[in-house]
Amino acid sequence: MISQEECTHIGSAGRVTENVEVKIVDHVTNKPLLAGQQGELWVRGPSIMTGYVGDDEANATTFDSDGWLKTGDLCYIDHDGFLFVVDRLKELIKYKAYQVPPVELELVLQSLPEIADAAVMPYPHEEAGQIPMALVVRQTGSKITEEEVMYNVAKQVAPYKKIRKVMFVDSIPKSQSGKILRRELVNHLRLCELSRL
């Protein structure tokens, strides 16, 4: 049964279950991070798989030498021990030397009254590597512009997380569970780029 305290941690995946060790590590240095800091979630315990049969390459990238499973999830644990999943590491936008989680920007975009839905994805950039690009579905009757979208997001995020390109779309493709289908967005973007040639 869920306790009253657990109900107050909105957005949390909950506390770690018994017989499982977890730690949040810097995904570049693999050094453990403190409570509240975002990094990769690593898990270890008797209920966690110990490897892939006959696939040494996958084992080397998925596990460290002490048996920790590298989940690939960008997470943090708050000071009360509640786990929050921020994004998948492979979905991070690599802007210059920074890692930008699309989900954080999507939440900001979706909080704007003139936006019905939004998704953020990396867009190739010659100098920065990638820039955050927003695909935005306007609310019915809205005439919000690219500049207004970028300005409203910039007021709420760190400078390196700013949206730097906006494309208006009719809908955001999602799975039945509501998860954004990023691969379909990439394909849509490629078709749009080709149609301009």
N, C-alpha and C. Protein backbone atom coordinates (compact mmCIF):
# COMPACT_ATOMS: atom_id res chain seq x y z
N MET A 1 0.84 -1.19 0.00
CA MET A 1 0.00 0.00 0.00
C MET A 1 0.88 1.25 0.00
N ILE A 2 0.46 2.25 -0.74
CA ILE A 2 1.22 3.49 -0.85
C ILE A 2 0.92 4.37 0.34
N SER A 3 1.98 4.91 0.94
CA SER A 3 1.81 5.78 2.10
C SER A 3 1.38 7.18 1.66
N GLN A 4 0.85 7.94 2.60
CA GLN A 4 0.43 9.32 2.33
C GLN A 4 1.63 10.15 1.87
N GLU A 5 2.80 9.90 2.48
CA GLU A 5 4.01 10.65 2.11
C GLU A 5 4.37 10.43 0.64
N GLU A 6 4.23 9.19 0.17
CA GLU A 6 4.57 8.90 -1.22
C GLU A 6 3.64 9.61 -2.20
N CYS A 7 2.42 9.86 -1.78
CA CYS A 7 1.45 10.54 -2.64
C CYS A 7 1.80 12.02 -2.84
N THR A 8 2.63 12.57 -1.97
CA THR A 8 2.98 13.99 -2.07
C THR A 8 4.18 14.23 -2.98
N HIS A 9 4.84 13.20 -3.44
CA HIS A 9 6.01 13.35 -4.32
C HIS A 9 5.58 13.15 -5.78
N ILE A 10 4.84 14.13 -6.28
CA ILE A 10 4.29 14.05 -7.63
C ILE A 10 5.43 14.01 -8.65
N GLY A 11 5.32 13.09 -9.60
CA GLY A 11 6.34 12.94 -10.63
C GLY A 11 7.43 11.95 -10.28
N SER A 12 7.42 11.47 -9.05
CA SER A 12 8.44 10.52 -8.61
C SER A 12 8.08 9.11 -9.05
N ALA A 13 9.11 8.30 -9.29
CA ALA A 13 8.90 6.88 -9.56
C ALA A 13 8.79 6.11 -8.25
N GLY A 14 8.93 6.80 -7.13
CA GLY A 14 8.84 6.18 -5.81
C GLY A 14 10.21 5.97 -5.19
N ARG A 15 10.20 5.26 -4.09
CA ARG A 15 11.46 4.92 -3.42
C ARG A 15 11.97 3.60 -3.97
N VAL A 16 13.25 3.37 -3.75
CA VAL A 16 13.88 2.14 -4.22
C VAL A 16 13.35 0.97 -3.40
N THR A 17 13.09 -0.14 -4.06
CA THR A 17 12.59 -1.33 -3.41
C THR A 17 13.69 -2.01 -2.59
N GLU A 18 13.30 -2.89 -1.70
CA GLU A 18 14.27 -3.63 -0.89
C GLU A 18 15.12 -4.53 -1.77
N ASN A 19 16.31 -4.84 -1.29
CA ASN A 19 17.26 -5.73 -1.97
C ASN A 19 17.76 -5.20 -3.31
N VAL A 20 17.66 -3.90 -3.52
CA VAL A 20 18.21 -3.28 -4.72
C VAL A 20 19.04 -2.07 -4.30
N GLU A 21 20.26 -2.00 -4.80
CA GLU A 21 21.10 -0.84 -4.57
C GLU A 21 20.99 0.08 -5.78
N VAL A 22 20.97 1.37 -5.54
CA VAL A 22 20.97 2.33 -6.64
C VAL A 22 21.98 3.43 -6.36
N LYS A 23 22.47 4.00 -7.42
CA LYS A 23 23.28 5.21 -7.30
C LYS A 23 23.12 6.02 -8.58
N ILE A 24 23.28 7.32 -8.42
CA ILE A 24 23.25 8.23 -9.54
C ILE A 24 24.69 8.65 -9.80
N VAL A 25 25.15 8.47 -11.04
CA VAL A 25 26.54 8.78 -11.36
C VAL A 25 26.61 9.78 -12.52
N ASP A 26 27.69 10.54 -12.54
CA ASP A 26 27.98 11.40 -13.67
C ASP A 26 28.22 10.50 -14.87
N HIS A 27 27.47 10.68 -15.94
CA HIS A 27 27.56 9.75 -17.07
C HIS A 27 28.83 9.91 -17.89
N VAL A 28 29.65 10.90 -17.58
CA VAL A 28 30.94 11.05 -18.25
C VAL A 28 32.06 10.47 -17.40
N THR A 29 32.09 10.85 -16.10
CA THR A 29 33.18 10.42 -15.21
C THR A 29 32.87 9.14 -14.44
N ASN A 30 31.60 8.74 -14.40
CA ASN A 30 31.13 7.59 -13.61
C ASN A 30 31.31 7.78 -12.11
N LYS A 31 31.47 9.01 -11.66
CA LYS A 31 31.60 9.31 -10.23
C LYS A 31 30.21 9.51 -9.63
N PRO A 32 29.98 8.97 -8.41
CA PRO A 32 28.67 9.12 -7.75
C PRO A 32 28.33 10.59 -7.50
N LEU A 33 27.04 10.91 -7.62
CA LEU A 33 26.55 12.27 -7.40
C LEU A 33 25.74 12.34 -6.11
N LEU A 34 25.53 13.55 -5.63
CA LEU A 34 24.78 13.78 -4.40
C LEU A 34 23.28 13.85 -4.68
N ALA A 35 22.50 13.80 -3.61
CA ALA A 35 21.04 13.92 -3.72
C ALA A 35 20.70 15.21 -4.46
N GLY A 36 19.74 15.11 -5.36
CA GLY A 36 19.30 16.27 -6.12
C GLY A 36 20.05 16.52 -7.41
N GLN A 37 21.19 15.85 -7.59
CA GLN A 37 21.97 16.03 -8.81
C GLN A 37 21.55 15.01 -9.87
N GLN A 38 21.45 15.45 -11.11
CA GLN A 38 21.03 14.57 -12.20
C GLN A 38 22.21 13.82 -12.78
N GLY A 39 22.00 12.54 -13.01
CA GLY A 39 23.02 11.69 -13.62
C GLY A 39 22.38 10.38 -14.06
N GLU A 40 23.22 9.44 -14.47
CA GLU A 40 22.70 8.15 -14.91
C GLU A 40 22.38 7.27 -13.71
N LEU A 41 21.26 6.57 -13.78
CA LEU A 41 20.85 5.63 -12.74
C LEU A 41 21.56 4.30 -12.96
N TRP A 42 22.27 3.84 -11.92
CA TRP A 42 22.89 2.51 -11.92
C TRP A 42 22.21 1.69 -10.84
N VAL A 43 21.95 0.42 -11.12
CA VAL A 43 21.29 -0.47 -10.15
C VAL A 43 22.08 -1.77 -10.02
N ARG A 44 21.92 -2.39 -8.84
CA ARG A 44 22.58 -3.67 -8.59
C ARG A 44 21.79 -4.41 -7.52
N GLY A 45 21.68 -5.72 -7.66
CA GLY A 45 20.98 -6.52 -6.66
C GLY A 45 20.63 -7.89 -7.21
N PRO A 46 20.10 -8.76 -6.34
CA PRO A 46 19.80 -10.13 -6.75
C PRO A 46 18.70 -10.24 -7.81
N SER A 47 17.85 -9.23 -7.92
CA SER A 47 16.77 -9.28 -8.92
C SER A 47 17.15 -8.61 -10.24
N ILE A 48 18.37 -8.09 -10.31
CA ILE A 48 18.84 -7.41 -11.51
C ILE A 48 19.62 -8.39 -12.37
N MET A 49 19.40 -8.36 -13.67
CA MET A 49 20.11 -9.29 -14.55
C MET A 49 21.62 -9.13 -14.40
N THR A 50 22.34 -10.19 -14.68
CA THR A 50 23.80 -10.17 -14.51
C THR A 50 24.54 -10.10 -15.84
N GLY A 51 23.83 -10.10 -16.95
CA GLY A 51 24.50 -9.96 -18.23
C GLY A 51 23.76 -10.61 -19.37
N TYR A 52 24.32 -10.43 -20.56
CA TYR A 52 23.79 -11.02 -21.78
C TYR A 52 24.61 -12.27 -22.10
N VAL A 53 23.96 -13.37 -22.35
CA VAL A 53 24.65 -14.62 -22.64
C VAL A 53 25.35 -14.51 -24.00
N GLY A 54 26.65 -14.73 -23.98
CA GLY A 54 27.44 -14.76 -25.21
C GLY A 54 27.63 -13.43 -25.90
N ASP A 55 27.39 -12.32 -25.21
CA ASP A 55 27.56 -11.00 -25.84
C ASP A 55 28.45 -10.13 -24.97
N ASP A 56 29.75 -10.38 -25.06
CA ASP A 56 30.72 -9.65 -24.24
C ASP A 56 30.71 -8.15 -24.50
N GLU A 57 30.48 -7.76 -25.74
CA GLU A 57 30.47 -6.34 -26.08
C GLU A 57 29.32 -5.61 -25.38
N ALA A 58 28.13 -6.20 -25.42
CA ALA A 58 26.97 -5.60 -24.74
C ALA A 58 27.19 -5.57 -23.24
N ASN A 59 27.77 -6.63 -22.68
CA ASN A 59 28.05 -6.66 -21.24
C ASN A 59 29.02 -5.56 -20.84
N ALA A 60 30.04 -5.32 -21.65
CA ALA A 60 31.05 -4.31 -21.33
C ALA A 60 30.45 -2.90 -21.32
N THR A 61 29.48 -2.65 -22.18
CA THR A 61 28.87 -1.31 -22.21
C THR A 61 27.72 -1.15 -21.22
N THR A 62 27.13 -2.26 -20.79
CA THR A 62 25.95 -2.21 -19.92
C THR A 62 26.29 -2.31 -18.44
N PHE A 63 27.41 -2.97 -18.11
CA PHE A 63 27.78 -3.20 -16.71
C PHE A 63 29.16 -2.65 -16.42
N ASP A 64 29.35 -2.20 -15.15
CA ASP A 64 30.71 -1.84 -14.75
C ASP A 64 31.37 -3.07 -14.13
N SER A 65 32.62 -2.94 -13.71
CA SER A 65 33.37 -4.10 -13.20
C SER A 65 32.85 -4.61 -11.86
N ASP A 66 32.05 -3.80 -11.15
CA ASP A 66 31.47 -4.23 -9.87
C ASP A 66 30.05 -4.75 -10.00
N GLY A 67 29.58 -4.95 -11.23
CA GLY A 67 28.25 -5.52 -11.45
C GLY A 67 27.10 -4.53 -11.47
N TRP A 68 27.38 -3.24 -11.51
CA TRP A 68 26.32 -2.24 -11.59
C TRP A 68 25.77 -2.19 -13.02
N LEU A 69 24.45 -2.26 -13.14
CA LEU A 69 23.77 -2.14 -14.43
C LEU A 69 23.58 -0.65 -14.74
N LYS A 70 24.09 -0.22 -15.87
CA LYS A 70 23.95 1.18 -16.31
C LYS A 70 22.64 1.27 -17.09
N THR A 71 21.63 1.91 -16.51
CA THR A 71 20.29 1.89 -17.10
C THR A 71 20.13 2.76 -18.34
N GLY A 72 20.96 3.80 -18.46
CA GLY A 72 20.77 4.74 -19.57
C GLY A 72 19.70 5.77 -19.28
N ASP A 73 19.18 5.77 -18.04
CA ASP A 73 18.16 6.75 -17.65
C ASP A 73 18.81 7.92 -16.92
N LEU A 74 18.43 9.13 -17.29
CA LEU A 74 18.87 10.33 -16.59
C LEU A 74 17.90 10.55 -15.44
N CYS A 75 18.41 10.50 -14.21
CA CYS A 75 17.55 10.54 -13.02
C CYS A 75 18.19 11.39 -11.93
N TYR A 76 17.42 11.60 -10.87
CA TYR A 76 17.98 12.13 -9.63
C TYR A 76 17.17 11.56 -8.48
N ILE A 77 17.78 11.52 -7.31
CA ILE A 77 17.11 11.09 -6.09
C ILE A 77 17.05 12.30 -5.17
N ASP A 78 15.85 12.64 -4.70
CA ASP A 78 15.73 13.82 -3.85
C ASP A 78 16.22 13.52 -2.44
N HIS A 79 16.19 14.52 -1.57
CA HIS A 79 16.72 14.38 -0.21
C HIS A 79 15.88 13.44 0.66
N ASP A 80 14.67 13.10 0.20
CA ASP A 80 13.82 12.15 0.94
C ASP A 80 13.94 10.73 0.39
N GLY A 81 14.81 10.54 -0.60
CA GLY A 81 15.03 9.20 -1.15
C GLY A 81 14.09 8.81 -2.28
N PHE A 82 13.38 9.78 -2.86
CA PHE A 82 12.47 9.49 -3.97
C PHE A 82 13.20 9.66 -5.30
N LEU A 83 12.97 8.71 -6.20
CA LEU A 83 13.63 8.68 -7.50
C LEU A 83 12.78 9.40 -8.54
N PHE A 84 13.42 10.25 -9.33
CA PHE A 84 12.76 10.98 -10.41
C PHE A 84 13.48 10.67 -11.72
N VAL A 85 12.74 10.20 -12.71
CA VAL A 85 13.31 9.92 -14.03
C VAL A 85 13.11 11.17 -14.89
N VAL A 86 14.21 11.70 -15.41
CA VAL A 86 14.17 12.93 -16.20
C VAL A 86 14.07 12.63 -17.69
N ASP A 87 14.89 11.70 -18.17
CA ASP A 87 14.93 11.41 -19.61
C ASP A 87 15.82 10.21 -19.85
N ARG A 88 15.93 9.81 -21.10
CA ARG A 88 16.89 8.78 -21.51
C ARG A 88 18.16 9.48 -21.96
N LEU A 89 19.32 8.96 -21.55
CA LEU A 89 20.58 9.58 -21.93
C LEU A 89 20.76 9.66 -23.43
N LYS A 90 20.34 8.63 -24.15
CA LYS A 90 20.54 8.64 -25.60
C LYS A 90 19.65 9.66 -26.29
N GLU A 91 18.66 10.21 -25.58
CA GLU A 91 17.79 11.22 -26.17
C GLU A 91 18.25 12.64 -25.84
N LEU A 92 19.32 12.77 -25.04
CA LEU A 92 19.81 14.10 -24.70
C LEU A 92 20.31 14.82 -25.94
N ILE A 93 20.09 16.13 -25.95
CA ILE A 93 20.58 16.96 -27.04
C ILE A 93 21.97 17.44 -26.64
N LYS A 94 22.94 17.23 -27.51
CA LYS A 94 24.32 17.62 -27.23
C LYS A 94 24.56 19.00 -27.82
N TYR A 95 24.30 20.04 -27.02
CA TYR A 95 24.49 21.42 -27.44
C TYR A 95 25.83 21.92 -26.90
N LYS A 96 26.78 22.14 -27.79
CA LYS A 96 28.14 22.53 -27.41
C LYS A 96 28.66 21.52 -26.39
N ALA A 97 29.05 21.96 -25.20
CA ALA A 97 29.56 21.02 -24.18
C ALA A 97 28.46 20.61 -23.20
N TYR A 98 27.21 20.96 -23.49
CA TYR A 98 26.11 20.72 -22.57
C TYR A 98 25.23 19.56 -23.02
N GLN A 99 24.54 18.97 -22.05
CA GLN A 99 23.56 17.92 -22.30
C GLN A 99 22.19 18.50 -21.95
N VAL A 100 21.29 18.55 -22.91
CA VAL A 100 19.98 19.17 -22.71
C VAL A 100 18.89 18.09 -22.79
N PRO A 101 18.15 17.86 -21.67
CA PRO A 101 17.07 16.86 -21.71
C PRO A 101 15.82 17.41 -22.39
N PRO A 102 15.37 16.78 -23.48
CA PRO A 102 14.18 17.25 -24.20
C PRO A 102 12.94 17.33 -23.32
N VAL A 103 12.76 16.38 -22.42
CA VAL A 103 11.55 16.34 -21.59
C VAL A 103 11.39 17.62 -20.77
N GLU A 104 12.49 18.14 -20.26
CA GLU A 104 12.41 19.38 -19.46
C GLU A 104 11.85 20.52 -20.30
N LEU A 105 12.32 20.65 -21.53
CA LEU A 105 11.83 21.70 -22.41
C LEU A 105 10.39 21.44 -22.85
N GLU A 106 10.04 20.18 -23.05
CA GLU A 106 8.67 19.84 -23.43
C GLU A 106 7.68 20.23 -22.34
N LEU A 107 8.05 20.04 -21.09
CA LEU A 107 7.17 20.44 -19.99
C LEU A 107 6.97 21.95 -19.96
N VAL A 108 8.03 22.70 -20.21
CA VAL A 108 7.91 24.17 -20.27
C VAL A 108 6.99 24.57 -21.42
N LEU A 109 7.22 24.00 -22.59
CA LEU A 109 6.39 24.32 -23.75
C LEU A 109 4.92 23.99 -23.51
N GLN A 110 4.66 22.81 -22.95
CA GLN A 110 3.29 22.37 -22.73
C GLN A 110 2.58 23.19 -21.65
N SER A 111 3.34 23.93 -20.85
CA SER A 111 2.72 24.78 -19.83
C SER A 111 2.26 26.12 -20.40
N LEU A 112 2.67 26.44 -21.61
CA LEU A 112 2.27 27.71 -22.22
C LEU A 112 0.84 27.61 -22.74
N PRO A 113 -0.03 28.58 -22.41
CA PRO A 113 -1.45 28.47 -22.74
C PRO A 113 -1.77 28.39 -24.23
N GLU A 114 -0.91 28.92 -25.10
CA GLU A 114 -1.20 28.90 -26.53
C GLU A 114 -0.69 27.64 -27.23
N ILE A 115 -0.09 26.73 -26.45
CA ILE A 115 0.46 25.50 -27.04
C ILE A 115 -0.35 24.30 -26.57
N ALA A 116 -0.87 23.53 -27.53
CA ALA A 116 -1.66 22.33 -27.21
C ALA A 116 -0.76 21.14 -26.91
N ASP A 117 0.35 21.03 -27.64
CA ASP A 117 1.28 19.92 -27.44
C ASP A 117 2.62 20.32 -28.04
N ALA A 118 3.67 19.62 -27.61
CA ALA A 118 5.00 19.94 -28.12
C ALA A 118 5.95 18.78 -27.90
N ALA A 119 6.96 18.73 -28.73
CA ALA A 119 8.06 17.78 -28.58
C ALA A 119 9.34 18.53 -28.90
N VAL A 120 10.44 18.07 -28.31
CA VAL A 120 11.73 18.70 -28.56
C VAL A 120 12.69 17.63 -29.04
N MET A 121 13.47 17.98 -30.04
CA MET A 121 14.43 17.02 -30.59
C MET A 121 15.71 17.75 -30.98
N PRO A 122 16.79 17.00 -31.15
CA PRO A 122 18.03 17.65 -31.59
C PRO A 122 17.97 17.99 -33.08
N TYR A 123 18.52 19.13 -33.42
CA TYR A 123 18.61 19.54 -34.82
C TYR A 123 20.08 19.80 -35.12
N PRO A 124 20.61 19.23 -36.20
CA PRO A 124 22.04 19.39 -36.50
C PRO A 124 22.43 20.86 -36.67
N HIS A 125 23.59 21.21 -36.11
CA HIS A 125 24.08 22.58 -36.20
C HIS A 125 25.59 22.52 -36.38
N GLU A 126 26.10 23.27 -37.36
CA GLU A 126 27.51 23.19 -37.72
C GLU A 126 28.45 23.54 -36.56
N GLU A 127 28.15 24.60 -35.81
CA GLU A 127 29.04 25.04 -34.74
C GLU A 127 28.74 24.38 -33.40
N ALA A 128 27.46 24.22 -33.07
CA ALA A 128 27.08 23.73 -31.74
C ALA A 128 26.95 22.21 -31.68
N GLY A 129 26.99 21.54 -32.81
CA GLY A 129 26.76 20.09 -32.84
C GLY A 129 25.28 19.80 -33.03
N GLN A 130 24.49 20.16 -32.02
CA GLN A 130 23.03 20.04 -32.08
C GLN A 130 22.43 21.23 -31.36
N ILE A 131 21.22 21.61 -31.78
CA ILE A 131 20.47 22.64 -31.06
C ILE A 131 19.09 22.08 -30.72
N PRO A 132 18.49 22.57 -29.61
CA PRO A 132 17.13 22.14 -29.28
C PRO A 132 16.12 22.75 -30.25
N MET A 133 15.35 21.88 -30.88
CA MET A 133 14.31 22.30 -31.81
C MET A 133 12.95 21.85 -31.28
N ALA A 134 12.00 22.77 -31.27
CA ALA A 134 10.65 22.46 -30.78
C ALA A 134 9.71 22.22 -31.95
N LEU A 135 8.96 21.13 -31.86
CA LEU A 135 7.85 20.90 -32.77
C LEU A 135 6.60 21.21 -31.96
N VAL A 136 5.83 22.18 -32.41
CA VAL A 136 4.76 22.75 -31.61
C VAL A 136 3.41 22.60 -32.31
N VAL A 137 2.42 22.17 -31.52
CA VAL A 137 1.02 22.15 -31.97
C VAL A 137 0.34 23.33 -31.26
N ARG A 138 -0.13 24.29 -32.06
CA ARG A 138 -0.80 25.45 -31.47
C ARG A 138 -2.20 25.07 -30.98
N GLN A 139 -2.66 25.77 -29.94
CA GLN A 139 -4.06 25.66 -29.52
C GLN A 139 -4.92 26.22 -30.66
N THR A 140 -6.14 25.74 -30.78
CA THR A 140 -7.06 26.24 -31.81
C THR A 140 -7.19 27.75 -31.67
N GLY A 141 -6.97 28.45 -32.77
CA GLY A 141 -7.09 29.91 -32.77
C GLY A 141 -5.82 30.65 -32.38
N SER A 142 -4.82 29.95 -31.91
CA SER A 142 -3.58 30.59 -31.49
C SER A 142 -2.77 31.04 -32.71
N LYS A 143 -2.12 32.17 -32.57
CA LYS A 143 -1.24 32.68 -33.62
C LYS A 143 0.17 32.88 -33.06
N ILE A 144 0.52 32.13 -32.02
CA ILE A 144 1.84 32.27 -31.42
C ILE A 144 2.91 32.05 -32.49
N THR A 145 3.95 32.87 -32.45
CA THR A 145 5.01 32.82 -33.45
C THR A 145 6.22 32.05 -32.92
N GLU A 146 7.15 31.75 -33.84
CA GLU A 146 8.40 31.10 -33.44
C GLU A 146 9.13 31.93 -32.39
N GLU A 147 9.21 33.24 -32.64
CA GLU A 147 9.92 34.13 -31.73
C GLU A 147 9.28 34.13 -30.35
N GLU A 148 7.96 34.13 -30.29
CA GLU A 148 7.26 34.12 -29.00
C GLU A 148 7.51 32.81 -28.26
N VAL A 149 7.52 31.70 -28.98
CA VAL A 149 7.80 30.41 -28.35
C VAL A 149 9.20 30.44 -27.74
N MET A 150 10.19 30.85 -28.54
CA MET A 150 11.57 30.88 -28.06
C MET A 150 11.74 31.83 -26.87
N TYR A 151 11.11 33.00 -26.94
CA TYR A 151 11.20 33.98 -25.87
C TYR A 151 10.60 33.44 -24.57
N ASN A 152 9.41 32.86 -24.65
CA ASN A 152 8.74 32.35 -23.45
C ASN A 152 9.51 31.21 -22.79
N VAL A 153 10.13 30.36 -23.59
CA VAL A 153 10.94 29.27 -23.02
C VAL A 153 12.22 29.84 -22.42
N ALA A 154 12.86 30.77 -23.12
CA ALA A 154 14.13 31.34 -22.66
C ALA A 154 14.01 31.99 -21.28
N LYS A 155 12.82 32.53 -20.97
CA LYS A 155 12.61 33.16 -19.66
C LYS A 155 12.64 32.14 -18.52
N GLN A 156 12.45 30.85 -18.84
CA GLN A 156 12.29 29.83 -17.80
C GLN A 156 13.42 28.82 -17.71
N VAL A 157 14.40 28.89 -18.61
CA VAL A 157 15.47 27.87 -18.61
C VAL A 157 16.84 28.53 -18.66
N ALA A 158 17.87 27.73 -18.36
CA ALA A 158 19.25 28.20 -18.47
C ALA A 158 19.55 28.54 -19.93
N PRO A 159 20.47 29.48 -20.17
CA PRO A 159 20.75 29.91 -21.55
C PRO A 159 21.09 28.77 -22.51
N TYR A 160 21.83 27.77 -22.06
CA TYR A 160 22.21 26.69 -22.97
C TYR A 160 21.04 25.76 -23.30
N LYS A 161 19.93 25.87 -22.58
CA LYS A 161 18.76 25.01 -22.83
C LYS A 161 17.72 25.67 -23.74
N LYS A 162 17.98 26.90 -24.16
CA LYS A 162 16.98 27.63 -24.94
C LYS A 162 16.61 26.89 -26.23
N ILE A 163 15.34 27.00 -26.60
CA ILE A 163 14.88 26.52 -27.91
C ILE A 163 15.46 27.46 -28.96
N ARG A 164 16.07 26.90 -29.99
CA ARG A 164 16.73 27.73 -31.00
C ARG A 164 16.11 27.59 -32.39
N LYS A 165 15.13 26.71 -32.50
CA LYS A 165 14.42 26.53 -33.77
C LYS A 165 13.03 26.00 -33.43
N VAL A 166 12.02 26.45 -34.18
CA VAL A 166 10.64 26.03 -33.95
C VAL A 166 10.00 25.63 -35.28
N MET A 167 9.26 24.54 -35.25
CA MET A 167 8.46 24.13 -36.41
C MET A 167 7.05 23.86 -35.90
N PHE A 168 6.06 24.43 -36.56
CA PHE A 168 4.67 24.18 -36.19
C PHE A 168 4.16 22.96 -36.94
N VAL A 169 3.51 22.06 -36.22
CA VAL A 169 2.99 20.82 -36.80
C VAL A 169 1.53 20.64 -36.38
N ASP A 170 0.84 19.72 -37.05
CA ASP A 170 -0.57 19.46 -36.74
C ASP A 170 -0.74 18.56 -35.53
N SER A 171 0.23 17.65 -35.32
CA SER A 171 0.13 16.72 -34.19
C SER A 171 1.51 16.17 -33.86
N ILE A 172 1.63 15.63 -32.65
CA ILE A 172 2.85 14.97 -32.20
C ILE A 172 2.54 13.48 -32.16
N PRO A 173 3.29 12.65 -32.89
CA PRO A 173 3.01 11.21 -32.86
C PRO A 173 3.34 10.61 -31.50
N LYS A 174 2.39 9.82 -30.99
CA LYS A 174 2.57 9.22 -29.66
C LYS A 174 2.12 7.77 -29.68
N SER A 175 2.70 7.00 -28.75
CA SER A 175 2.28 5.61 -28.58
C SER A 175 0.95 5.59 -27.83
N GLN A 176 0.36 4.40 -27.68
CA GLN A 176 -0.90 4.28 -26.95
C GLN A 176 -0.75 4.71 -25.50
N SER A 177 0.46 4.60 -24.96
CA SER A 177 0.68 5.00 -23.56
C SER A 177 1.00 6.49 -23.44
N GLY A 178 1.04 7.21 -24.57
CA GLY A 178 1.27 8.66 -24.53
C GLY A 178 2.72 9.07 -24.70
N LYS A 179 3.61 8.11 -24.94
CA LYS A 179 5.03 8.42 -25.11
C LYS A 179 5.26 8.97 -26.51
N ILE A 180 6.06 10.04 -26.60
CA ILE A 180 6.37 10.64 -27.89
C ILE A 180 7.17 9.66 -28.74
N LEU A 181 6.75 9.47 -29.97
CA LEU A 181 7.45 8.59 -30.90
C LEU A 181 8.50 9.41 -31.65
N ARG A 182 9.67 9.52 -31.05
CA ARG A 182 10.72 10.41 -31.56
C ARG A 182 11.22 9.99 -32.94
N ARG A 183 11.26 8.70 -33.21
CA ARG A 183 11.74 8.24 -34.51
C ARG A 183 10.81 8.75 -35.62
N GLU A 184 9.51 8.76 -35.36
CA GLU A 184 8.56 9.29 -36.35
C GLU A 184 8.76 10.79 -36.56
N LEU A 185 9.11 11.50 -35.48
CA LEU A 185 9.38 12.93 -35.61
C LEU A 185 10.61 13.17 -36.50
N VAL A 186 11.64 12.36 -36.30
CA VAL A 186 12.85 12.48 -37.11
C VAL A 186 12.52 12.24 -38.58
N ASN A 187 11.72 11.21 -38.85
CA ASN A 187 11.32 10.91 -40.23
C ASN A 187 10.50 12.06 -40.83
N HIS A 188 9.60 12.64 -40.03
CA HIS A 188 8.79 13.78 -40.48
C HIS A 188 9.70 14.96 -40.83
N LEU A 189 10.67 15.22 -39.98
CA LEU A 189 11.60 16.32 -40.21
C LEU A 189 12.40 16.10 -41.49
N ARG A 190 12.85 14.88 -41.72
CA ARG A 190 13.60 14.57 -42.95
C ARG A 190 12.74 14.83 -44.19
N LEU A 191 11.47 14.42 -44.13
CA LEU A 191 10.57 14.65 -45.27
C LEU A 191 10.38 16.14 -45.52
N CYS A 192 10.25 16.91 -44.44
CA CYS A 192 10.09 18.36 -44.58
C CYS A 192 11.33 18.98 -45.21
N GLU A 193 12.51 18.53 -44.77
CA GLU A 193 13.76 19.06 -45.33
C GLU A 193 13.88 18.70 -46.81
N LEU A 194 13.52 17.46 -47.17
CA LEU A 194 13.60 17.04 -48.57
C LEU A 194 12.63 17.82 -49.45
N SER A 195 11.45 18.14 -48.91
CA SER A 195 10.45 18.85 -49.71
C SER A 195 10.89 20.28 -50.01
N ARG A 196 11.83 20.81 -49.25
CA ARG A 196 12.33 22.17 -49.49
C ARG A 196 13.41 22.21 -50.57
N LEU A 197 13.96 21.04 -50.91
CA LEU A 197 15.04 20.99 -51.92
C LEU A 197 14.51 21.20 -53.33
